[in-house]
Amino acid sequence: MVSAFQTKTNSLLAFLKNESSAGKSVARSLFDDIDAAHSSDRQRALLPGIVLLVIAYFKDSVDDFFQVVEVCKGKRQC
């Protein structure tokens, strides 16, 4: 999966940017956020960014892909 990610990320990002420029699906703000994060740490910024772009492209909800839970430390109950 890591090698596929490394070889396919740029192609997928280019495709999604092209689709966005054509007025389809993906908000420009997502690309701006990825570019800002990408400039400081290329690989670590791209993986979550690509996942969010694909979710947006297919008009799905982030909540359908990720379960958000509160993390408690120690013996205290949340």
N, C-alpha and C. Protein backbone atom coordinates (compact mmCIF):
# COMPACT_ATOMS: atom_id res chain seq x y z
N MET A 1 0.82 -1.18 0.00
CA MET A 1 0.00 0.00 0.00
C MET A 1 0.88 1.26 0.00
N VAL A 2 1.97 1.22 0.76
CA VAL A 2 2.85 2.38 0.82
C VAL A 2 3.46 2.66 -0.55
N SER A 3 3.93 1.63 -1.24
CA SER A 3 4.53 1.87 -2.55
C SER A 3 3.48 2.34 -3.56
N ALA A 4 2.27 1.80 -3.49
CA ALA A 4 1.20 2.26 -4.37
C ALA A 4 0.88 3.72 -4.09
N PHE A 5 0.84 4.07 -2.83
CA PHE A 5 0.58 5.46 -2.47
C PHE A 5 1.66 6.38 -3.04
N GLN A 6 2.91 5.98 -2.90
CA GLN A 6 4.01 6.81 -3.37
C GLN A 6 3.99 6.98 -4.89
N THR A 7 3.56 5.96 -5.60
CA THR A 7 3.58 6.05 -7.06
C THR A 7 2.30 6.64 -7.65
N LYS A 8 1.20 6.54 -6.96
CA LYS A 8 -0.09 6.96 -7.52
C LYS A 8 -0.57 8.32 -7.03
N THR A 9 -0.01 8.83 -5.94
CA THR A 9 -0.52 10.05 -5.32
C THR A 9 -0.50 11.24 -6.28
N ASN A 10 0.59 11.47 -6.95
CA ASN A 10 0.67 12.62 -7.84
C ASN A 10 -0.32 12.53 -8.99
N SER A 11 -0.52 11.34 -9.53
CA SER A 11 -1.49 11.16 -10.61
C SER A 11 -2.90 11.42 -10.11
N LEU A 12 -3.22 10.89 -8.95
CA LEU A 12 -4.55 11.08 -8.39
C LEU A 12 -4.79 12.55 -8.05
N LEU A 13 -3.81 13.20 -7.47
CA LEU A 13 -3.93 14.62 -7.14
C LEU A 13 -4.13 15.45 -8.42
N ALA A 14 -3.38 15.15 -9.45
CA ALA A 14 -3.52 15.87 -10.73
C ALA A 14 -4.91 15.65 -11.32
N PHE A 15 -5.41 14.43 -11.29
CA PHE A 15 -6.75 14.14 -11.80
C PHE A 15 -7.81 14.93 -11.04
N LEU A 16 -7.72 14.91 -9.71
CA LEU A 16 -8.72 15.61 -8.90
C LEU A 16 -8.64 17.12 -9.10
N LYS A 17 -7.44 17.66 -9.27
CA LYS A 17 -7.30 19.10 -9.56
C LYS A 17 -7.92 19.43 -10.91
N ASN A 18 -7.71 18.57 -11.90
CA ASN A 18 -8.29 18.78 -13.22
C ASN A 18 -9.81 18.74 -13.15
N GLU A 19 -10.36 17.79 -12.43
CA GLU A 19 -11.81 17.69 -12.27
C GLU A 19 -12.35 18.92 -11.55
N SER A 20 -11.62 19.39 -10.56
CA SER A 20 -12.04 20.57 -9.80
C SER A 20 -12.02 21.81 -10.70
N SER A 21 -11.01 21.92 -11.54
CA SER A 21 -10.92 23.05 -12.47
C SER A 21 -12.06 23.03 -13.48
N ALA A 22 -12.55 21.85 -13.77
CA ALA A 22 -13.66 21.71 -14.71
C ALA A 22 -15.00 21.95 -14.02
N GLY A 23 -14.96 22.32 -12.74
CA GLY A 23 -16.18 22.63 -12.01
C GLY A 23 -16.87 21.43 -11.40
N LYS A 24 -16.15 20.34 -11.24
CA LYS A 24 -16.76 19.12 -10.72
C LYS A 24 -16.30 18.85 -9.29
N SER A 25 -17.22 18.53 -8.46
CA SER A 25 -17.06 17.90 -7.15
C SER A 25 -16.21 18.55 -6.07
N VAL A 26 -14.92 18.72 -6.27
CA VAL A 26 -14.02 18.99 -5.16
C VAL A 26 -13.82 20.49 -4.95
N ALA A 27 -13.99 20.93 -3.71
CA ALA A 27 -13.83 22.34 -3.37
C ALA A 27 -12.36 22.75 -3.44
N ARG A 28 -12.12 23.92 -3.96
CA ARG A 28 -10.76 24.44 -4.09
C ARG A 28 -10.08 24.58 -2.73
N SER A 29 -10.86 24.83 -1.69
CA SER A 29 -10.28 25.02 -0.35
C SER A 29 -9.54 23.78 0.12
N LEU A 30 -9.99 22.59 -0.27
CA LEU A 30 -9.26 21.37 0.09
C LEU A 30 -7.87 21.35 -0.53
N PHE A 31 -7.78 21.77 -1.77
CA PHE A 31 -6.47 21.81 -2.43
C PHE A 31 -5.56 22.84 -1.76
N ASP A 32 -6.13 23.98 -1.37
CA ASP A 32 -5.34 25.00 -0.70
C ASP A 32 -4.80 24.49 0.63
N ASP A 33 -5.64 23.78 1.38
CA ASP A 33 -5.20 23.20 2.66
C ASP A 33 -4.09 22.17 2.46
N ILE A 34 -4.24 21.34 1.45
CA ILE A 34 -3.22 20.33 1.16
C ILE A 34 -1.92 20.99 0.74
N ASP A 35 -2.01 22.01 -0.12
CA ASP A 35 -0.80 22.71 -0.56
C ASP A 35 -0.07 23.35 0.61
N ALA A 36 -0.82 23.95 1.54
CA ALA A 36 -0.20 24.59 2.71
C ALA A 36 0.51 23.55 3.58
N ALA A 37 -0.16 22.44 3.86
CA ALA A 37 0.44 21.39 4.67
C ALA A 37 1.55 20.68 3.91
N HIS A 38 1.34 20.52 2.64
CA HIS A 38 2.26 19.80 1.77
C HIS A 38 3.63 20.48 1.72
N SER A 39 3.65 21.80 1.77
CA SER A 39 4.92 22.51 1.65
C SER A 39 5.85 22.23 2.82
N SER A 40 5.29 21.90 3.98
CA SER A 40 6.15 21.66 5.13
C SER A 40 6.53 20.18 5.29
N ASP A 41 5.67 19.27 4.90
CA ASP A 41 5.97 17.84 5.05
C ASP A 41 5.20 17.06 3.98
N ARG A 42 5.82 16.89 2.86
CA ARG A 42 5.16 16.35 1.66
C ARG A 42 4.36 15.06 1.89
N GLN A 43 4.99 14.00 2.31
CA GLN A 43 4.30 12.72 2.39
C GLN A 43 3.23 12.68 3.47
N ARG A 44 3.53 13.22 4.62
CA ARG A 44 2.57 13.17 5.72
C ARG A 44 1.33 14.00 5.44
N ALA A 45 1.46 15.05 4.65
CA ALA A 45 0.32 15.90 4.32
C ALA A 45 -0.53 15.30 3.21
N LEU A 46 0.08 14.57 2.32
CA LEU A 46 -0.66 14.08 1.17
C LEU A 46 -1.64 12.95 1.49
N LEU A 47 -1.28 12.05 2.34
CA LEU A 47 -2.16 10.91 2.59
C LEU A 47 -3.52 11.33 3.12
N PRO A 48 -3.61 12.08 4.21
CA PRO A 48 -4.95 12.48 4.66
C PRO A 48 -5.63 13.41 3.65
N GLY A 49 -4.84 14.21 2.97
CA GLY A 49 -5.42 15.10 1.97
C GLY A 49 -6.06 14.35 0.82
N ILE A 50 -5.39 13.35 0.32
CA ILE A 50 -5.93 12.54 -0.77
C ILE A 50 -7.20 11.82 -0.32
N VAL A 51 -7.19 11.29 0.89
CA VAL A 51 -8.38 10.61 1.41
C VAL A 51 -9.56 11.58 1.45
N LEU A 52 -9.34 12.79 1.95
CA LEU A 52 -10.42 13.78 2.01
C LEU A 52 -10.88 14.20 0.62
N LEU A 53 -9.95 14.31 -0.32
CA LEU A 53 -10.32 14.66 -1.69
C LEU A 53 -11.18 13.58 -2.35
N VAL A 54 -10.80 12.34 -2.15
CA VAL A 54 -11.58 11.24 -2.73
C VAL A 54 -12.99 11.19 -2.11
N ILE A 55 -13.07 11.39 -0.80
CA ILE A 55 -14.38 11.44 -0.14
C ILE A 55 -15.23 12.55 -0.74
N ALA A 56 -14.63 13.74 -0.92
CA ALA A 56 -15.36 14.87 -1.49
C ALA A 56 -15.74 14.61 -2.95
N TYR A 57 -14.84 14.01 -3.70
CA TYR A 57 -15.11 13.74 -5.11
C TYR A 57 -16.34 12.85 -5.29
N PHE A 58 -16.46 11.85 -4.44
CA PHE A 58 -17.60 10.95 -4.55
C PHE A 58 -18.80 11.42 -3.73
N LYS A 59 -18.71 12.66 -3.21
CA LYS A 59 -19.80 13.30 -2.48
C LYS A 59 -20.27 12.47 -1.29
N ASP A 60 -19.32 11.87 -0.62
CA ASP A 60 -19.61 11.12 0.59
C ASP A 60 -19.36 12.02 1.79
N SER A 61 -19.70 11.51 2.96
CA SER A 61 -19.50 12.23 4.20
C SER A 61 -18.28 11.67 4.92
N VAL A 62 -17.50 12.56 5.50
CA VAL A 62 -16.34 12.12 6.29
C VAL A 62 -16.80 11.22 7.43
N ASP A 63 -17.98 11.50 7.98
CA ASP A 63 -18.52 10.70 9.08
C ASP A 63 -18.78 9.24 8.67
N ASP A 64 -18.99 9.00 7.37
CA ASP A 64 -19.20 7.63 6.90
C ASP A 64 -17.89 6.84 6.87
N PHE A 65 -16.76 7.52 6.88
CA PHE A 65 -15.47 6.86 6.77
C PHE A 65 -14.70 6.79 8.08
N PHE A 66 -14.95 7.73 8.96
CA PHE A 66 -14.19 7.81 10.20
C PHE A 66 -15.12 7.86 11.40
N GLN A 67 -14.77 7.16 12.42
CA GLN A 67 -15.51 7.20 13.68
C GLN A 67 -14.72 8.08 14.64
N VAL A 68 -15.34 9.15 15.06
CA VAL A 68 -14.68 10.08 15.97
C VAL A 68 -15.11 9.74 17.39
N VAL A 69 -14.13 9.54 18.24
CA VAL A 69 -14.40 9.20 19.63
C VAL A 69 -13.57 10.11 20.54
N GLU A 70 -14.06 10.30 21.73
CA GLU A 70 -13.33 11.08 22.72
C GLU A 70 -12.34 10.15 23.42
N VAL A 71 -11.11 10.58 23.52
CA VAL A 71 -10.08 9.78 24.17
C VAL A 71 -9.93 10.25 25.61
N CYS A 72 -10.02 9.30 26.52
CA CYS A 72 -9.87 9.62 27.93
C CYS A 72 -8.55 9.07 28.42
N LYS A 73 -7.90 9.82 29.28
CA LYS A 73 -6.64 9.35 29.85
C LYS A 73 -6.87 9.01 31.32
N GLY A 74 -6.21 7.98 31.78
CA GLY A 74 -6.34 7.60 33.18
C GLY A 74 -7.62 6.82 33.44
N LYS A 75 -8.03 6.81 34.69
CA LYS A 75 -9.20 6.01 35.09
C LYS A 75 -10.49 6.80 35.01
N ARG A 76 -10.39 8.08 34.71
CA ARG A 76 -11.58 8.92 34.61
C ARG A 76 -12.46 8.46 33.45
N GLN A 77 -13.75 8.43 33.66
CA GLN A 77 -14.65 8.06 32.59
C GLN A 77 -15.11 9.32 31.89
N CYS A 78 -15.29 9.22 30.60
CA CYS A 78 -15.72 10.38 29.81
C CYS A 78 -17.22 10.48 29.78
